[in-house]
N, C-alpha and C. Protein backbone atom coordinates (compact mmCIF):
# COMPACT_ATOMS: atom_id res chain seq x y z
N MET A 1 85.76 115.39 107.12
CA MET A 1 84.78 116.20 106.42
C MET A 1 84.79 115.86 104.94
N ARG A 2 83.64 115.69 104.35
CA ARG A 2 83.53 115.33 102.94
C ARG A 2 83.71 116.56 102.06
N GLU A 3 84.56 116.42 101.02
CA GLU A 3 84.79 117.53 100.10
C GLU A 3 83.55 117.77 99.25
N GLN A 4 83.32 119.01 98.91
CA GLN A 4 82.22 119.32 98.01
C GLN A 4 82.62 118.94 96.59
N LEU A 5 81.65 118.54 95.79
CA LEU A 5 81.92 118.12 94.42
C LEU A 5 82.62 119.22 93.63
N SER A 6 82.26 120.46 93.87
CA SER A 6 82.82 121.55 93.08
C SER A 6 84.32 121.71 93.27
N SER A 7 84.87 121.05 94.26
CA SER A 7 86.31 121.12 94.46
C SER A 7 87.06 120.11 93.59
N LYS A 8 86.34 119.31 92.84
CA LYS A 8 86.95 118.27 92.00
C LYS A 8 86.98 118.70 90.54
N THR A 9 88.07 118.31 89.87
CA THR A 9 88.23 118.59 88.44
C THR A 9 88.34 117.28 87.69
N ILE A 10 87.56 117.17 86.61
CA ILE A 10 87.53 115.97 85.78
C ILE A 10 87.94 116.33 84.36
N LEU A 11 88.83 115.53 83.79
CA LEU A 11 89.21 115.65 82.39
C LEU A 11 88.49 114.56 81.61
N VAL A 12 87.66 114.96 80.65
CA VAL A 12 86.91 114.03 79.80
C VAL A 12 87.67 113.87 78.49
N VAL A 13 87.99 112.62 78.13
CA VAL A 13 88.67 112.33 76.87
C VAL A 13 87.71 111.51 76.02
N GLU A 14 87.19 112.14 74.97
CA GLU A 14 86.17 111.52 74.11
C GLU A 14 86.29 112.12 72.72
N ASP A 15 86.40 111.26 71.70
CA ASP A 15 86.59 111.74 70.34
C ASP A 15 85.31 112.23 69.68
N GLU A 16 84.17 111.71 70.08
CA GLU A 16 82.90 112.13 69.50
C GLU A 16 82.46 113.44 70.14
N GLY A 17 82.46 114.52 69.35
CA GLY A 17 82.16 115.85 69.88
C GLY A 17 80.83 115.95 70.59
N ALA A 18 79.78 115.38 70.01
CA ALA A 18 78.45 115.47 70.62
C ALA A 18 78.42 114.73 71.96
N VAL A 19 79.04 113.57 72.01
CA VAL A 19 79.09 112.80 73.26
C VAL A 19 79.91 113.56 74.30
N ARG A 20 81.05 114.07 73.88
CA ARG A 20 81.92 114.85 74.79
C ARG A 20 81.15 116.03 75.37
N ASP A 21 80.43 116.76 74.52
CA ASP A 21 79.68 117.93 74.98
C ASP A 21 78.62 117.55 76.01
N VAL A 22 77.90 116.47 75.76
CA VAL A 22 76.85 116.02 76.69
C VAL A 22 77.47 115.62 78.03
N VAL A 23 78.55 114.86 77.99
CA VAL A 23 79.20 114.42 79.22
C VAL A 23 79.75 115.61 80.00
N VAL A 24 80.38 116.54 79.31
CA VAL A 24 80.92 117.73 79.97
C VAL A 24 79.80 118.51 80.66
N LYS A 25 78.70 118.73 79.95
CA LYS A 25 77.57 119.47 80.53
C LYS A 25 76.98 118.72 81.72
N MET A 26 76.86 117.41 81.60
CA MET A 26 76.31 116.60 82.66
C MET A 26 77.16 116.73 83.93
N LEU A 27 78.46 116.57 83.77
CA LEU A 27 79.36 116.63 84.93
C LEU A 27 79.38 118.03 85.54
N ALA A 28 79.28 119.04 84.71
CA ALA A 28 79.25 120.42 85.21
C ALA A 28 78.00 120.66 86.05
N THR A 29 76.88 120.03 85.69
CA THR A 29 75.66 120.22 86.49
C THR A 29 75.80 119.60 87.88
N PHE A 30 76.72 118.64 88.02
CA PHE A 30 76.97 118.04 89.34
C PHE A 30 77.86 118.94 90.19
N GLY A 31 78.43 119.98 89.58
CA GLY A 31 79.29 120.89 90.31
C GLY A 31 80.77 120.68 90.08
N TYR A 32 81.13 119.74 89.21
CA TYR A 32 82.55 119.51 88.91
C TYR A 32 83.09 120.58 87.97
N ARG A 33 84.36 120.87 88.09
CA ARG A 33 85.07 121.65 87.07
C ARG A 33 85.46 120.63 86.02
N VAL A 34 85.12 120.89 84.75
CA VAL A 34 85.32 119.88 83.71
C VAL A 34 86.19 120.45 82.60
N LEU A 35 87.22 119.68 82.24
CA LEU A 35 88.08 119.97 81.11
C LEU A 35 87.82 118.89 80.07
N ALA A 36 88.12 119.19 78.81
CA ALA A 36 87.83 118.20 77.76
C ALA A 36 88.98 118.09 76.78
N ALA A 37 89.13 116.88 76.25
CA ALA A 37 90.12 116.61 75.21
C ALA A 37 89.49 115.65 74.22
N GLN A 38 89.85 115.81 72.93
CA GLN A 38 89.26 114.94 71.91
C GLN A 38 90.11 113.72 71.61
N ASP A 39 91.35 113.68 72.10
CA ASP A 39 92.21 112.54 71.85
C ASP A 39 93.30 112.49 72.93
N PRO A 40 94.03 111.37 73.00
CA PRO A 40 95.06 111.24 74.03
C PRO A 40 96.15 112.31 73.96
N GLN A 41 96.52 112.72 72.76
CA GLN A 41 97.55 113.74 72.64
C GLN A 41 97.11 115.04 73.30
N GLN A 42 95.89 115.44 73.04
CA GLN A 42 95.35 116.65 73.66
C GLN A 42 95.20 116.45 75.18
N ALA A 43 94.81 115.25 75.58
CA ALA A 43 94.67 114.95 77.01
C ALA A 43 96.02 115.08 77.72
N ILE A 44 97.06 114.58 77.10
CA ILE A 44 98.40 114.67 77.70
C ILE A 44 98.83 116.12 77.83
N GLU A 45 98.52 116.93 76.82
CA GLU A 45 98.83 118.37 76.91
C GLU A 45 98.11 119.00 78.10
N VAL A 46 96.83 118.67 78.26
CA VAL A 46 96.05 119.21 79.38
C VAL A 46 96.65 118.71 80.70
N LEU A 47 96.96 117.42 80.77
CA LEU A 47 97.54 116.86 82.00
C LEU A 47 98.88 117.51 82.33
N ASN A 48 99.70 117.72 81.33
CA ASN A 48 100.99 118.36 81.57
C ASN A 48 100.83 119.80 82.04
N GLY A 49 99.77 120.46 81.59
CA GLY A 49 99.53 121.85 81.98
C GLY A 49 98.78 122.00 83.29
N GLU A 50 97.86 121.07 83.56
CA GLU A 50 96.99 121.20 84.72
C GLU A 50 96.93 119.94 85.57
N GLY A 51 97.86 119.03 85.36
CA GLY A 51 97.81 117.72 86.01
C GLY A 51 97.61 117.74 87.50
N GLU A 52 98.24 118.67 88.18
CA GLU A 52 98.13 118.71 89.63
C GLU A 52 96.73 119.08 90.10
N SER A 53 95.97 119.78 89.25
CA SER A 53 94.63 120.20 89.66
C SER A 53 93.54 119.22 89.19
N ILE A 54 93.90 118.22 88.40
CA ILE A 54 92.93 117.25 87.88
C ILE A 54 92.83 116.08 88.85
N ASP A 55 91.60 115.75 89.22
CA ASP A 55 91.37 114.66 90.17
C ASP A 55 91.04 113.34 89.49
N LEU A 56 90.44 113.41 88.29
CA LEU A 56 90.00 112.20 87.63
C LEU A 56 90.00 112.40 86.12
N VAL A 57 90.40 111.34 85.40
CA VAL A 57 90.28 111.31 83.94
C VAL A 57 89.18 110.31 83.60
N LEU A 58 88.18 110.78 82.87
CA LEU A 58 87.10 109.94 82.36
C LEU A 58 87.39 109.78 80.88
N THR A 59 87.84 108.59 80.47
CA THR A 59 88.29 108.41 79.10
C THR A 59 87.57 107.27 78.39
N ASP A 60 87.21 107.55 77.15
CA ASP A 60 86.68 106.52 76.27
C ASP A 60 87.82 105.55 76.00
N ILE A 61 87.48 104.30 75.76
CA ILE A 61 88.50 103.31 75.44
C ILE A 61 88.74 103.29 73.93
N ALA A 62 87.69 103.39 73.13
CA ALA A 62 87.79 103.27 71.68
C ALA A 62 88.02 104.64 71.06
N LEU A 63 89.26 105.10 71.09
CA LEU A 63 89.62 106.37 70.46
C LEU A 63 90.37 106.06 69.18
N PRO A 64 89.91 106.57 68.04
CA PRO A 64 90.55 106.23 66.76
C PRO A 64 91.99 106.73 66.69
N GLU A 65 92.79 105.96 65.94
CA GLU A 65 94.20 106.32 65.71
C GLU A 65 94.95 106.60 67.00
N THR A 66 94.74 105.73 67.97
CA THR A 66 95.36 105.91 69.28
C THR A 66 96.29 104.76 69.58
N ASP A 67 97.46 105.08 70.09
CA ASP A 67 98.34 104.05 70.62
C ASP A 67 97.91 103.86 72.07
N TYR A 68 96.96 102.94 72.27
CA TYR A 68 96.39 102.74 73.59
C TYR A 68 97.46 102.41 74.62
N GLY A 69 98.41 101.58 74.23
CA GLY A 69 99.45 101.18 75.17
C GLY A 69 100.14 102.36 75.81
N ASP A 70 100.57 103.32 74.98
CA ASP A 70 101.28 104.48 75.52
C ASP A 70 100.37 105.34 76.40
N PHE A 71 99.16 105.61 75.93
CA PHE A 71 98.25 106.47 76.69
C PHE A 71 97.84 105.83 78.01
N PHE A 72 97.43 104.57 77.97
CA PHE A 72 96.98 103.91 79.18
C PHE A 72 98.14 103.62 80.12
N THR A 73 99.33 103.35 79.57
CA THR A 73 100.51 103.18 80.41
C THR A 73 100.82 104.47 81.14
N LEU A 74 100.71 105.58 80.43
CA LEU A 74 100.93 106.88 81.04
C LEU A 74 99.92 107.14 82.16
N LEU A 75 98.65 106.83 81.90
CA LEU A 75 97.64 107.00 82.94
C LEU A 75 97.90 106.06 84.11
N ALA A 76 98.30 104.83 83.82
CA ALA A 76 98.57 103.86 84.88
C ALA A 76 99.77 104.28 85.73
N ALA A 77 100.75 104.93 85.12
CA ALA A 77 101.92 105.39 85.87
C ALA A 77 101.50 106.42 86.91
N ASN A 78 100.44 107.15 86.60
CA ASN A 78 99.76 108.03 87.55
C ASN A 78 100.67 109.04 88.23
N LYS A 79 101.54 109.66 87.46
CA LYS A 79 102.43 110.67 88.05
C LYS A 79 101.66 111.88 88.56
N TRP A 80 100.41 112.01 88.12
CA TRP A 80 99.59 113.14 88.56
C TRP A 80 98.75 112.80 89.78
N LYS A 81 98.81 111.56 90.24
CA LYS A 81 98.05 111.12 91.42
C LYS A 81 96.54 111.31 91.24
N LEU A 82 96.05 110.87 90.10
CA LEU A 82 94.63 111.03 89.80
C LEU A 82 93.96 109.68 89.63
N LYS A 83 92.65 109.72 89.61
CA LYS A 83 91.85 108.52 89.39
C LYS A 83 91.51 108.45 87.89
N VAL A 84 91.27 107.23 87.42
CA VAL A 84 90.92 107.03 86.01
C VAL A 84 89.65 106.19 85.95
N LEU A 85 88.70 106.69 85.17
CA LEU A 85 87.45 105.95 84.93
C LEU A 85 87.36 105.73 83.42
N PHE A 86 87.37 104.46 83.02
CA PHE A 86 87.25 104.10 81.62
C PHE A 86 85.78 103.96 81.26
N MET A 87 85.44 104.37 80.02
CA MET A 87 84.07 104.20 79.54
C MET A 87 84.12 103.63 78.13
N SER A 88 83.11 102.83 77.81
CA SER A 88 83.04 102.25 76.47
C SER A 88 81.64 101.73 76.20
N GLY A 89 81.25 101.80 74.96
CA GLY A 89 80.01 101.18 74.51
C GLY A 89 80.22 99.74 74.12
N TYR A 90 81.48 99.28 74.17
CA TYR A 90 81.82 97.91 73.78
C TYR A 90 81.92 96.96 74.96
N GLY A 91 81.66 97.43 76.16
CA GLY A 91 81.73 96.59 77.35
C GLY A 91 83.13 96.58 77.94
N LYS A 92 83.21 96.04 79.14
CA LYS A 92 84.48 96.05 79.89
C LYS A 92 85.56 95.23 79.20
N ASP A 93 85.18 94.25 78.37
CA ASP A 93 86.17 93.44 77.66
C ASP A 93 87.02 94.28 76.71
N ALA A 94 86.51 95.46 76.33
CA ALA A 94 87.28 96.35 75.46
C ALA A 94 88.59 96.78 76.12
N LEU A 95 88.62 96.81 77.44
CA LEU A 95 89.86 97.15 78.15
C LEU A 95 90.97 96.17 77.79
N ARG A 96 90.67 94.89 77.87
CA ARG A 96 91.67 93.87 77.58
C ARG A 96 92.15 93.96 76.14
N ARG A 97 91.23 94.20 75.22
CA ARG A 97 91.60 94.30 73.80
C ARG A 97 92.54 95.48 73.55
N CYS A 98 92.49 96.48 74.41
CA CYS A 98 93.36 97.64 74.27
C CYS A 98 94.61 97.53 75.14
N GLY A 99 94.79 96.38 75.77
CA GLY A 99 95.99 96.17 76.58
C GLY A 99 95.88 96.61 78.02
N VAL A 100 94.67 96.91 78.47
CA VAL A 100 94.47 97.31 79.86
C VAL A 100 93.83 96.14 80.59
N PRO A 101 94.43 95.68 81.69
CA PRO A 101 93.79 94.58 82.42
C PRO A 101 92.40 95.02 82.88
N ASN A 102 91.40 94.14 82.72
CA ASN A 102 90.04 94.56 83.07
C ASN A 102 89.67 94.22 84.51
N THR A 103 90.67 93.97 85.32
CA THR A 103 90.44 93.79 86.75
C THR A 103 91.16 94.90 87.50
N GLY A 104 90.54 95.37 88.53
CA GLY A 104 91.16 96.41 89.34
C GLY A 104 91.11 97.80 88.74
N VAL A 105 90.31 97.99 87.69
CA VAL A 105 90.15 99.32 87.11
C VAL A 105 88.68 99.71 87.18
N ASP A 106 88.45 100.99 87.17
CA ASP A 106 87.07 101.48 87.21
C ASP A 106 86.55 101.64 85.79
N PHE A 107 85.31 101.22 85.59
CA PHE A 107 84.70 101.18 84.26
C PHE A 107 83.22 101.50 84.35
N ILE A 108 82.73 102.20 83.33
CA ILE A 108 81.29 102.44 83.19
C ILE A 108 80.91 102.23 81.72
N SER A 109 79.81 101.54 81.49
CA SER A 109 79.34 101.28 80.13
C SER A 109 78.59 102.48 79.58
N LYS A 110 78.82 102.76 78.29
CA LYS A 110 78.06 103.79 77.58
C LYS A 110 76.94 103.09 76.83
N PRO A 111 75.81 103.68 76.70
CA PRO A 111 75.44 104.96 77.30
C PRO A 111 75.14 104.77 78.79
N PHE A 112 75.45 105.77 79.58
CA PHE A 112 75.16 105.70 81.00
C PHE A 112 74.14 106.77 81.36
N SER A 113 73.42 106.51 82.42
CA SER A 113 72.41 107.46 82.87
C SER A 113 73.06 108.53 83.75
N VAL A 114 72.36 109.61 83.94
CA VAL A 114 72.83 110.68 84.82
C VAL A 114 73.05 110.10 86.22
N ALA A 115 72.11 109.29 86.70
CA ALA A 115 72.22 108.72 88.04
C ALA A 115 73.41 107.78 88.16
N SER A 116 73.66 106.95 87.13
CA SER A 116 74.74 105.97 87.24
C SER A 116 76.12 106.62 87.21
N ILE A 117 76.33 107.65 86.40
CA ILE A 117 77.64 108.31 86.37
C ILE A 117 77.84 109.12 87.65
N LYS A 118 76.80 109.73 88.13
CA LYS A 118 76.91 110.49 89.38
C LYS A 118 77.29 109.56 90.53
N LYS A 119 76.61 108.42 90.62
CA LYS A 119 76.90 107.44 91.68
C LYS A 119 78.33 106.90 91.55
N LYS A 120 78.74 106.57 90.34
CA LYS A 120 80.08 106.02 90.12
C LYS A 120 81.15 107.03 90.55
N LEU A 121 80.98 108.28 90.18
CA LEU A 121 81.96 109.31 90.55
C LEU A 121 81.97 109.53 92.06
N GLN A 122 80.81 109.53 92.69
CA GLN A 122 80.76 109.69 94.14
C GLN A 122 81.50 108.55 94.83
N GLU A 123 81.32 107.33 94.32
CA GLU A 123 82.02 106.17 94.87
C GLU A 123 83.54 106.32 94.70
N MET A 124 83.94 106.73 93.52
CA MET A 124 85.38 106.86 93.26
C MET A 124 86.02 107.96 94.11
N PHE A 125 85.32 109.07 94.28
CA PHE A 125 85.89 110.15 95.08
C PHE A 125 85.83 109.86 96.58
N ALA A 126 85.04 108.86 96.96
CA ALA A 126 84.97 108.46 98.37
C ALA A 126 86.15 107.58 98.77
N THR A 127 86.86 107.02 97.77
CA THR A 127 88.01 106.16 98.04
C THR A 127 89.30 106.93 97.83
N ALA A 128 90.34 106.49 98.48
CA ALA A 128 91.64 107.16 98.38
C ALA A 128 92.22 107.01 96.97
N THR A 129 92.96 108.03 96.54
CA THR A 129 93.63 108.00 95.25
C THR A 129 94.81 107.04 95.31
N VAL A 130 94.98 106.27 94.25
CA VAL A 130 96.10 105.34 94.16
C VAL A 130 97.28 106.07 93.56
N GLY A 131 98.48 105.64 93.96
CA GLY A 131 99.65 106.20 93.28
C GLY A 131 100.59 106.91 94.12
């Protein structure tokens, strides 16, 4: 039986407040429970508090004043058994520049349409969680 979207929780990590607000509202209209963080430190606090209930982290790659290695290594360790979707306006090559291999990871380019993010999330939730 397929789970309903409303049973899924997504943590959005985005430093630009206006972009974060739009993405949060968009995902909420799909029926997801959405949490938000403006930087990796805040995201880690949310994950430590609610990690077991979070199904997916949707994170910008270009977050200012971020030690990408530590944050992405923590996400890759996946102690919370969640999925990770990277987003960037700089293209998928931005993953490599931040120390994340750009193969075998999920990515969506910004700006994305309502239809494209909805489809991407449906695809990701249709596959088993890694970890």
